[in-house]
Amino acid sequence: MINPKVSIIIPVYNNESTIEETLNSIVSQTYTNYEVIICDDGSTDSTSKIIEEYAMDYSKFNYHKIKHCGNPGQVRNTAATYAKGKYIAFLDSDDVWYPEKLEKQVELFNKYPDAGLVFTDIMDYYNDFSSKNMFKSWVCKSNVIEKIANNPKIIITNDGKTYLFTSKLTAFVLCYGVISTCTAMLKKNVFFEMNGFDSSYIVGEDLDLWIRVLNKYNVGYIDKIMVKRRIRADNVTSNKKIFVIDILAVFYKNFPNKENFVYKREYK
């Protein structure tokens, strides 16, 4: 199938100030064979009302509200059970996609059907998307993708480069965390084969999933910024203690035989 359906998964919680911009970036996609699955983790502000209005206007939008759990991985996993597409793409409720994001990823999957995951570059912003708050992601700024060993296949296109990595990227992804969840598109069968996100993590659940996927499947990378991501003080990853503890736990889970590695996983 040349134009398979993509299931777009959006976890949301009290994002009334940003959710409209996020949803508008989906409506603006050049690739139109998609469905949107919004899983609301018990919002108490006007987020629900905004989403319900979109669902009335756009038949592709599906809204599900659950009891608050405060766990992004668990919310995404719940949303994925409703997915009907061949691919799953993730978008957070305060980030936005560029219009060609889905189209370019599906094109790369069509070119390399053995790939299990395709991701893109990203631009980060503080709080809002004004140019004064813009700063390049370190991936883009350092050209670190080109420094990966084992020579990936590089495909030159009119608007940039795409890559297919056929070697394991586990160590690379673990050390540098280059795959942002809002840039990733996976085959749905791969997502469920991996049992989705490990919801025992508050943060790092995405890194854990990428490591497991990359240990088994090829991965594609589009060397072009396709996502705007907000960096906010209230983001889950801004809690440095939880961030460090869970990242260390991910490391221990995937590399349990590393010597002299000790961690204590607690949030108190």
C-alpha atoms as a PDB file:
ATOM      1  CA  MET A   1       0.000   0.000   0.000  1.00  0.00           C
ATOM      2  CA  ILE A   2       1.585   3.273  -1.142  1.00  0.00           C
ATOM      3  CA  ASN A   3      -0.496   5.552   1.094  1.00  0.00           C
ATOM      4  CA  PRO A   4      -1.207   3.567   4.274  1.00  0.00           C
ATOM      5  CA  LYS A   5      -3.073   5.060   7.189  1.00  0.00           C
ATOM      6  CA  VAL A   6      -1.068   6.718   9.955  1.00  0.00           C
ATOM      7  CA  SER A   7      -2.449   6.744  13.498  1.00  0.00           C
ATOM      8  CA  ILE A   8      -1.415   9.949  15.250  1.00  0.00           C
ATOM      9  CA  ILE A   9      -1.337   9.615  19.022  1.00  0.00           C
ATOM     10  CA  ILE A  10      -1.557  12.680  21.263  1.00  0.00           C
ATOM     11  CA  PRO A  11      -1.482  12.389  25.061  1.00  0.00           C
ATOM     12  CA  VAL A  12      -2.827  15.535  26.685  1.00  0.00           C
ATOM     13  CA  TYR A  13      -3.277  16.956  30.155  1.00  0.00           C
ATOM     14  CA  ASN A  14      -4.344  20.549  30.886  1.00  0.00           C
ATOM     15  CA  ASN A  15      -2.892  22.064  27.725  1.00  0.00           C
ATOM     16  CA  GLU A  16      -5.642  24.536  26.869  1.00  0.00           C
ATOM     17  CA  SER A  17      -3.097  27.186  25.829  1.00  0.00           C
ATOM     18  CA  THR A  18      -1.270  25.020  23.275  1.00  0.00           C
ATOM     19  CA  ILE A  19      -3.544  22.210  22.066  1.00  0.00           C
ATOM     20  CA  GLU A  20      -5.155  24.213  19.242  1.00  0.00           C
ATOM     21  CA  GLU A  21      -1.809  24.995  17.648  1.00  0.00           C
ATOM     22  CA  THR A  22      -0.868  21.335  17.906  1.00  0.00           C
ATOM     23  CA  LEU A  23      -4.090  20.144  16.277  1.00  0.00           C
ATOM     24  CA  ASN A  24      -3.851  22.781  13.539  1.00  0.00           C
ATOM     25  CA  SER A  25      -0.442  21.424  12.574  1.00  0.00           C
ATOM     26  CA  ILE A  26      -2.104  18.053  11.943  1.00  0.00           C
ATOM     27  CA  VAL A  27      -4.907  19.530   9.865  1.00  0.00           C
ATOM     28  CA  SER A  28      -2.217  21.237   7.751  1.00  0.00           C
ATOM     29  CA  GLN A  29      -0.412  17.984   6.864  1.00  0.00           C
ATOM     30  CA  THR A  30       0.122  17.328   3.147  1.00  0.00           C
ATOM     31  CA  TYR A  31      -0.361  13.620   3.844  1.00  0.00           C
ATOM     32  CA  THR A  32      -4.056  13.107   4.473  1.00  0.00           C
ATOM     33  CA  ASN A  33      -4.562   9.402   5.158  1.00  0.00           C
ATOM     34  CA  TYR A  34      -4.423   9.601   8.920  1.00  0.00           C
ATOM     35  CA  GLU A  35      -6.498   9.323  12.059  1.00  0.00           C
ATOM     36  CA  VAL A  36      -5.948  11.269  15.263  1.00  0.00           C
ATOM     37  CA  ILE A  37      -6.278   9.547  18.629  1.00  0.00           C
ATOM     38  CA  ILE A  38      -6.252  12.020  21.488  1.00  0.00           C
ATOM     39  CA  CYS A  39      -6.034  10.490  24.937  1.00  0.00           C
ATOM     40  CA  ASP A  40      -6.838  12.972  27.687  1.00  0.00           C
ATOM     41  CA  ASP A  41      -5.269  12.109  31.026  1.00  0.00           C
ATOM     42  CA  GLY A  42      -8.124  13.648  33.014  1.00  0.00           C
ATOM     43  CA  SER A  43      -7.752  17.339  32.132  1.00  0.00           C
ATOM     44  CA  THR A  44      -9.494  19.777  34.455  1.00  0.00           C
ATOM     45  CA  ASP A  45      -9.192  22.946  32.345  1.00  0.00           C
ATOM     46  CA  SER A  46     -10.880  23.730  29.009  1.00  0.00           C
ATOM     47  CA  THR A  47      -8.708  21.270  27.064  1.00  0.00           C
ATOM     48  CA  SER A  48     -11.599  18.805  26.770  1.00  0.00           C
ATOM     49  CA  LYS A  49     -13.940  21.408  25.301  1.00  0.00           C
ATOM     50  CA  ILE A  50     -11.384  22.482  22.689  1.00  0.00           C
ATOM     51  CA  ILE A  51     -10.728  18.910  21.587  1.00  0.00           C
ATOM     52  CA  GLU A  52     -14.413  18.033  21.457  1.00  0.00           C
ATOM     53  CA  GLU A  53     -14.997  20.964  19.111  1.00  0.00           C
ATOM     54  CA  TYR A  54     -12.254  19.692  16.791  1.00  0.00           C
ATOM     55  CA  ALA A  55     -13.724  16.203  16.904  1.00  0.00           C
ATOM     56  CA  MET A  56     -17.061  17.633  15.765  1.00  0.00           C
ATOM     57  CA  ASP A  57     -15.442  19.460  12.842  1.00  0.00           C
ATOM     58  CA  TYR A  58     -13.005  16.746  11.759  1.00  0.00           C
ATOM     59  CA  SER A  59     -14.165  13.150  11.515  1.00  0.00           C
ATOM     60  CA  LYS A  60     -10.559  11.914  11.695  1.00  0.00           C
ATOM     61  CA  PHE A  61     -10.249  13.111  15.288  1.00  0.00           C
ATOM     62  CA  ASN A  62     -11.067  10.597  18.020  1.00  0.00           C
ATOM     63  CA  TYR A  63     -11.170  11.715  21.635  1.00  0.00           C
ATOM     64  CA  HIS A  64     -10.830   9.484  24.691  1.00  0.00           C
ATOM     65  CA  LYS A  65     -10.705  10.707  28.271  1.00  0.00           C
ATOM     66  CA  ILE A  66      -9.281   8.529  31.026  1.00  0.00           C
ATOM     67  CA  LYS A  67      -8.741   8.777  34.769  1.00  0.00           C
ATOM     68  CA  HIS A  68      -5.628  10.809  35.536  1.00  0.00           C
ATOM     69  CA  CYS A  69      -2.476   8.710  35.915  1.00  0.00           C
ATOM     70  CA  GLY A  70       0.297  11.239  35.227  1.00  0.00           C
ATOM     71  CA  ASN A  71       2.274   8.735  33.144  1.00  0.00           C
ATOM     72  CA  PRO A  72       2.859   9.721  29.468  1.00  0.00           C
ATOM     73  CA  GLY A  73       3.918   6.217  28.432  1.00  0.00           C
ATOM     74  CA  GLN A  74       0.805   4.646  29.900  1.00  0.00           C
ATOM     75  CA  VAL A  75      -1.420   7.241  28.215  1.00  0.00           C
ATOM     76  CA  ARG A  76       0.236   6.625  24.832  1.00  0.00           C
ATOM     77  CA  ASN A  77      -0.131   2.869  25.261  1.00  0.00           C
ATOM     78  CA  THR A  78      -3.846   3.289  25.992  1.00  0.00           C
ATOM     79  CA  ALA A  79      -4.276   5.455  22.891  1.00  0.00           C
ATOM     80  CA  ALA A  80      -2.408   2.926  20.747  1.00  0.00           C
ATOM     81  CA  THR A  81      -5.024   0.258  21.471  1.00  0.00           C
ATOM     82  CA  TYR A  82      -7.446   2.309  19.348  1.00  0.00           C
ATOM     83  CA  ALA A  83      -5.026   2.660  16.414  1.00  0.00           C
ATOM     84  CA  LYS A  84      -6.183   1.348  13.038  1.00  0.00           C
ATOM     85  CA  GLY A  85      -3.275   2.554  10.906  1.00  0.00           C
ATOM     86  CA  LYS A  86      -0.227   0.719   9.614  1.00  0.00           C
ATOM     87  CA  TYR A  87       2.011   3.298  11.270  1.00  0.00           C
ATOM     88  CA  ILE A  88       1.905   5.116  14.596  1.00  0.00           C
ATOM     89  CA  ALA A  89       3.229   8.653  15.016  1.00  0.00           C
ATOM     90  CA  PHE A  90       3.431  10.531  18.299  1.00  0.00           C
ATOM     91  CA  LEU A  91       2.851  14.213  18.957  1.00  0.00           C
ATOM     92  CA  ASP A  92       2.776  15.964  22.312  1.00  0.00           C
ATOM     93  CA  SER A  93       0.035  18.474  23.000  1.00  0.00           C
ATOM     94  CA  ASP A  94       2.379  21.477  23.111  1.00  0.00           C
ATOM     95  CA  ASP A  95       4.475  20.714  20.009  1.00  0.00           C
ATOM     96  CA  VAL A  96       3.776  21.150  16.292  1.00  0.00           C
ATOM     97  CA  TRP A  97       4.709  19.432  13.040  1.00  0.00           C
ATOM     98  CA  TYR A  98       5.775  20.998   9.768  1.00  0.00           C
ATOM     99  CA  PRO A  99       3.250  20.279   6.972  1.00  0.00           C
ATOM    100  CA  GLU A 100       5.344  17.637   5.138  1.00  0.00           C
ATOM    101  CA  LYS A 101       6.329  15.644   8.210  1.00  0.00           C
ATOM    102  CA  LEU A 102       4.056  12.630   7.708  1.00  0.00           C
ATOM    103  CA  GLU A 103       4.467  12.632   3.922  1.00  0.00           C
ATOM    104  CA  LYS A 104       8.265  12.434   4.101  1.00  0.00           C
ATOM    105  CA  GLN A 105       8.238   9.673   6.691  1.00  0.00           C
ATOM    106  CA  VAL A 106       5.794   7.507   4.760  1.00  0.00           C
ATOM    107  CA  GLU A 107       7.903   8.022   1.625  1.00  0.00           C
ATOM    108  CA  LEU A 108      10.959   6.710   3.453  1.00  0.00           C
ATOM    109  CA  PHE A 109       9.047   3.712   4.775  1.00  0.00           C
ATOM    110  CA  ASN A 110       7.889   2.959   1.215  1.00  0.00           C
ATOM    111  CA  LYS A 111      11.506   3.134   0.058  1.00  0.00           C
ATOM    112  CA  TYR A 112      12.782   0.934   2.877  1.00  0.00           C
ATOM    113  CA  PRO A 113       9.974  -1.393   4.007  1.00  0.00           C
ATOM    114  CA  ASP A 114      12.319  -3.246   6.364  1.00  0.00           C
ATOM    115  CA  ALA A 115      12.720  -0.173   8.570  1.00  0.00           C
ATOM    116  CA  GLY A 116      10.908  -0.360  11.883  1.00  0.00           C
ATOM    117  CA  LEU A 117      11.131   3.318  12.747  1.00  0.00           C
ATOM    118  CA  VAL A 118      11.690   6.640  10.976  1.00  0.00           C
ATOM    119  CA  PHE A 119      12.539   9.883  12.759  1.00  0.00           C
ATOM    120  CA  THR A 120      13.421  13.470  11.802  1.00  0.00           C
ATOM    121  CA  ASP A 121      15.392  16.425  13.102  1.00  0.00           C
ATOM    122  CA  ILE A 122      13.770  18.907  15.465  1.00  0.00           C
ATOM    123  CA  MET A 123      13.945  22.567  16.483  1.00  0.00           C
ATOM    124  CA  ASP A 124      13.571  23.483  20.139  1.00  0.00           C
ATOM    125  CA  TYR A 125      11.986  26.620  21.572  1.00  0.00           C
ATOM    126  CA  TYR A 126      11.640  28.101  25.025  1.00  0.00           C
ATOM    127  CA  ASN A 127       7.940  28.455  25.895  1.00  0.00           C
ATOM    128  CA  ASP A 128       6.632  29.746  22.556  1.00  0.00           C
ATOM    129  CA  PHE A 129       7.558  29.502  18.896  1.00  0.00           C
ATOM    130  CA  SER A 130       8.840  33.050  18.399  1.00  0.00           C
ATOM    131  CA  SER A 131      12.231  33.398  16.733  1.00  0.00           C
ATOM    132  CA  LYS A 132      13.767  34.984  19.835  1.00  0.00           C
ATOM    133  CA  ASN A 133      13.114  31.742  21.736  1.00  0.00           C
ATOM    134  CA  MET A 134      14.440  29.430  19.035  1.00  0.00           C
ATOM    135  CA  PHE A 135      17.558  27.331  19.438  1.00  0.00           C
ATOM    136  CA  LYS A 136      18.757  24.477  17.264  1.00  0.00           C
ATOM    137  CA  SER A 137      18.569  20.980  18.622  1.00  0.00           C
ATOM    138  CA  TRP A 138      22.020  19.647  19.347  1.00  0.00           C
ATOM    139  CA  VAL A 139      21.460  16.920  16.728  1.00  0.00           C
ATOM    140  CA  CYS A 140      21.061  19.503  13.979  1.00  0.00           C
ATOM    141  CA  LYS A 141      23.789  21.806  15.290  1.00  0.00           C
ATOM    142  CA  SER A 142      26.493  19.180  15.672  1.00  0.00           C
ATOM    143  CA  ASN A 143      25.728  17.121  12.537  1.00  0.00           C
ATOM    144  CA  VAL A 144      26.171  14.169  14.855  1.00  0.00           C
ATOM    145  CA  ILE A 145      24.164  11.847  12.595  1.00  0.00           C
ATOM    146  CA  GLU A 146      26.942  11.937  10.008  1.00  0.00           C
ATOM    147  CA  LYS A 147      29.432  10.823  12.643  1.00  0.00           C
ATOM    148  CA  ILE A 148      27.794   7.456  13.248  1.00  0.00           C
ATOM    149  CA  ALA A 149      30.058   4.525  12.525  1.00  0.00           C
ATOM    150  CA  ASN A 150      29.461   1.799   9.932  1.00  0.00           C
ATOM    151  CA  ASN A 151      28.500   4.181   7.112  1.00  0.00           C
ATOM    152  CA  PRO A 152      24.717   4.429   6.794  1.00  0.00           C
ATOM    153  CA  LYS A 153      23.111   4.517   3.380  1.00  0.00           C
ATOM    154  CA  ILE A 154      22.698   8.179   2.470  1.00  0.00           C
ATOM    155  CA  ILE A 155      20.071   9.210  -0.072  1.00  0.00           C
ATOM    156  CA  ILE A 156      20.359  12.719  -1.489  1.00  0.00           C
ATOM    157  CA  THR A 157      16.996  14.329  -2.230  1.00  0.00           C
ATOM    158  CA  ASN A 158      16.022  17.745  -3.551  1.00  0.00           C
ATOM    159  CA  ASP A 159      15.344  19.056  -0.071  1.00  0.00           C
ATOM    160  CA  GLY A 160      18.043  17.350   1.953  1.00  0.00           C
ATOM    161  CA  LYS A 161      19.397  13.965   2.982  1.00  0.00           C
ATOM    162  CA  THR A 162      17.739  10.850   4.279  1.00  0.00           C
ATOM    163  CA  TYR A 163      19.557   7.971   5.930  1.00  0.00           C
ATOM    164  CA  LEU A 164      18.973   4.285   6.492  1.00  0.00           C
ATOM    165  CA  PHE A 165      20.900   2.776   9.384  1.00  0.00           C
ATOM    166  CA  THR A 166      21.398  -0.943   9.072  1.00  0.00           C
ATOM    167  CA  SER A 167      23.697  -1.339  12.072  1.00  0.00           C
ATOM    168  CA  LYS A 168      22.687  -1.311  15.706  1.00  0.00           C
ATOM    169  CA  LEU A 169      22.408   2.197  17.115  1.00  0.00           C
ATOM    170  CA  THR A 170      21.789   1.219  20.701  1.00  0.00           C
ATOM    171  CA  ALA A 171      24.912   2.749  22.212  1.00  0.00           C
ATOM    172  CA  PHE A 172      24.506   5.891  20.150  1.00  0.00           C
ATOM    173  CA  VAL A 173      20.878   6.408  21.085  1.00  0.00           C
ATOM    174  CA  LEU A 174      21.584   5.576  24.712  1.00  0.00           C
ATOM    175  CA  CYS A 175      24.418   8.061  25.016  1.00  0.00           C
ATOM    176  CA  TYR A 176      22.878  10.919  23.079  1.00  0.00           C
ATOM    177  CA  GLY A 177      19.116  10.418  22.996  1.00  0.00           C
ATOM    178  CA  VAL A 178      18.707  11.741  19.467  1.00  0.00           C
ATOM    179  CA  ILE A 179      15.229  10.380  18.789  1.00  0.00           C
ATOM    180  CA  SER A 180      12.531  12.679  20.117  1.00  0.00           C
ATOM    181  CA  THR A 181       9.132  11.052  20.554  1.00  0.00           C
ATOM    182  CA  CYS A 182       7.349  13.758  18.557  1.00  0.00           C
ATOM    183  CA  THR A 183       9.613  13.046  15.551  1.00  0.00           C
ATOM    184  CA  ALA A 184       9.155   9.258  15.575  1.00  0.00           C
ATOM    185  CA  MET A 185       6.944   7.122  13.361  1.00  0.00           C
ATOM    186  CA  LEU A 186       6.848   3.365  13.934  1.00  0.00           C
ATOM    187  CA  LYS A 187       5.179   0.441  12.298  1.00  0.00           C
ATOM    188  CA  LYS A 188       2.231  -0.443  14.517  1.00  0.00           C
ATOM    189  CA  ASN A 189       3.132  -4.126  14.546  1.00  0.00           C
ATOM    190  CA  VAL A 190       6.642  -3.223  15.762  1.00  0.00           C
ATOM    191  CA  PHE A 191       5.205  -1.058  18.544  1.00  0.00           C
ATOM    192  CA  PHE A 192       3.031  -3.899  19.822  1.00  0.00           C
ATOM    193  CA  GLU A 193       5.763  -6.489  19.307  1.00  0.00           C
ATOM    194  CA  MET A 194       7.822  -4.408  21.736  1.00  0.00           C
ATOM    195  CA  ASN A 195       4.819  -4.143  24.100  1.00  0.00           C
ATOM    196  CA  GLY A 196       4.822  -0.378  23.680  1.00  0.00           C
ATOM    197  CA  PHE A 197       6.276   1.986  26.254  1.00  0.00           C
ATOM    198  CA  ASP A 198       7.394   0.644  29.609  1.00  0.00           C
ATOM    199  CA  SER A 199       5.029   2.555  31.880  1.00  0.00           C
ATOM    200  CA  SER A 200       7.129   1.854  34.966  1.00  0.00           C
ATOM    201  CA  TYR A 201       9.142   4.906  33.892  1.00  0.00           C
ATOM    202  CA  ILE A 202       7.935   8.478  34.321  1.00  0.00           C
ATOM    203  CA  VAL A 203      10.617   9.700  31.915  1.00  0.00           C
ATOM    204  CA  GLY A 204      12.963   7.699  29.727  1.00  0.00           C
ATOM    205  CA  GLU A 205      10.163   5.420  28.528  1.00  0.00           C
ATOM    206  CA  ASP A 206      10.768   6.643  24.981  1.00  0.00           C
ATOM    207  CA  LEU A 207      14.516   6.024  25.139  1.00  0.00           C
ATOM    208  CA  ASP A 208      13.851   2.518  26.426  1.00  0.00           C
ATOM    209  CA  LEU A 209      11.521   1.774  23.504  1.00  0.00           C
ATOM    210  CA  TRP A 210      13.932   3.134  20.890  1.00  0.00           C
ATOM    211  CA  ILE A 211      16.727   0.939  22.251  1.00  0.00           C
ATOM    212  CA  ARG A 212      14.534  -2.148  22.012  1.00  0.00           C
ATOM    213  CA  VAL A 213      13.373  -1.301  18.492  1.00  0.00           C
ATOM    214  CA  LEU A 214      16.871  -0.467  17.233  1.00  0.00           C
ATOM    215  CA  ASN A 215      18.247  -3.731  18.578  1.00  0.00           C
ATOM    216  CA  LYS A 216      16.060  -5.571  16.078  1.00  0.00           C
ATOM    217  CA  TYR A 217      15.096  -3.246  13.206  1.00  0.00           C
ATOM    218  CA  ASN A 218      16.659  -0.853  10.741  1.00  0.00           C
ATOM    219  CA  VAL A 219      15.834   2.800  11.279  1.00  0.00           C
ATOM    220  CA  GLY A 220      15.470   5.723   8.898  1.00  0.00           C
ATOM    221  CA  TYR A 221      16.399   9.335   9.574  1.00  0.00           C
ATOM    222  CA  ILE A 222      15.299  12.417   7.627  1.00  0.00           C
ATOM    223  CA  ASP A 223      17.902  15.141   7.932  1.00  0.00           C
ATOM    224  CA  LYS A 224      15.431  17.974   7.992  1.00  0.00           C
ATOM    225  CA  ILE A 225      13.674  19.834  10.812  1.00  0.00           C
ATOM    226  CA  MET A 226      10.075  18.637  10.806  1.00  0.00           C
ATOM    227  CA  VAL A 227       9.027  19.408  14.375  1.00  0.00           C
ATOM    228  CA  LYS A 228       8.913  22.415  16.696  1.00  0.00           C
ATOM    229  CA  ARG A 229       9.229  21.368  20.327  1.00  0.00           C
ATOM    230  CA  ARG A 230       8.493  23.508  23.366  1.00  0.00           C
ATOM    231  CA  ILE A 231      10.899  23.345  26.284  1.00  0.00           C
ATOM    232  CA  ARG A 232       8.954  24.463  29.346  1.00  0.00           C
ATOM    233  CA  ALA A 233       9.669  24.594  33.042  1.00  0.00           C
ATOM    234  CA  ASP A 234       6.677  22.368  33.800  1.00  0.00           C
ATOM    235  CA  ASN A 235       7.659  19.585  31.391  1.00  0.00           C
ATOM    236  CA  VAL A 236       8.012  16.175  33.017  1.00  0.00           C
ATOM    237  CA  THR A 237      11.654  15.988  31.933  1.00  0.00           C
ATOM    238  CA  SER A 238      12.421  19.255  33.738  1.00  0.00           C
ATOM    239  CA  ASN A 239      12.350  17.334  37.049  1.00  0.00           C
ATOM    240  CA  LYS A 240      16.046  16.552  37.094  1.00  0.00           C
ATOM    241  CA  LYS A 241      15.900  14.008  39.925  1.00  0.00           C
ATOM    242  CA  ILE A 242      13.249  11.849  38.243  1.00  0.00           C
ATOM    243  CA  PHE A 243      14.991  12.299  34.890  1.00  0.00           C
ATOM    244  CA  VAL A 244      18.347  11.039  36.129  1.00  0.00           C
ATOM    245  CA  ILE A 245      16.887   8.161  38.138  1.00  0.00           C
ATOM    246  CA  ASP A 246      14.768   6.848  35.267  1.00  0.00           C
ATOM    247  CA  ILE A 247      17.491   7.252  32.627  1.00  0.00           C
ATOM    248  CA  LEU A 248      19.832   5.236  34.832  1.00  0.00           C
ATOM    249  CA  ALA A 249      17.086   2.640  35.264  1.00  0.00           C
ATOM    250  CA  VAL A 250      16.693   2.412  31.473  1.00  0.00           C
ATOM    251  CA  PHE A 251      20.441   1.880  31.171  1.00  0.00           C
ATOM    252  CA  TYR A 252      20.418  -0.860  33.787  1.00  0.00           C
ATOM    253  CA  LYS A 253      17.430  -2.610  32.216  1.00  0.00           C
ATOM    254  CA  ASN A 254      18.960  -2.760  28.740  1.00  0.00           C
ATOM    255  CA  PHE A 255      22.566  -3.309  29.821  1.00  0.00           C
ATOM    256  CA  PRO A 256      22.277  -5.278  33.081  1.00  0.00           C
ATOM    257  CA  ASN A 257      25.810  -6.715  32.924  1.00  0.00           C
ATOM    258  CA  LYS A 258      27.633  -3.393  32.997  1.00  0.00           C
ATOM    259  CA  GLU A 259      30.225  -3.513  35.799  1.00  0.00           C
ATOM    260  CA  ASN A 260      30.210  -1.078  38.692  1.00  0.00           C
ATOM    261  CA  PHE A 261      26.749   0.196  37.804  1.00  0.00           C
ATOM    262  CA  VAL A 262      24.576   0.896  40.812  1.00  0.00           C
ATOM    263  CA  TYR A 263      21.334   2.834  40.958  1.00  0.00           C
ATOM    264  CA  LYS A 264      18.540   3.288  43.462  1.00  0.00           C
ATOM    265  CA  ARG A 265      15.176   3.974  41.858  1.00  0.00           C
ATOM    266  CA  GLU A 266      12.962   6.042  44.083  1.00  0.00           C
ATOM    267  CA  TYR A 267      11.188   9.355  43.758  1.00  0.00           C
ATOM    268  CA  LYS A 268      10.990  10.465  47.386  1.00  0.00           C
END
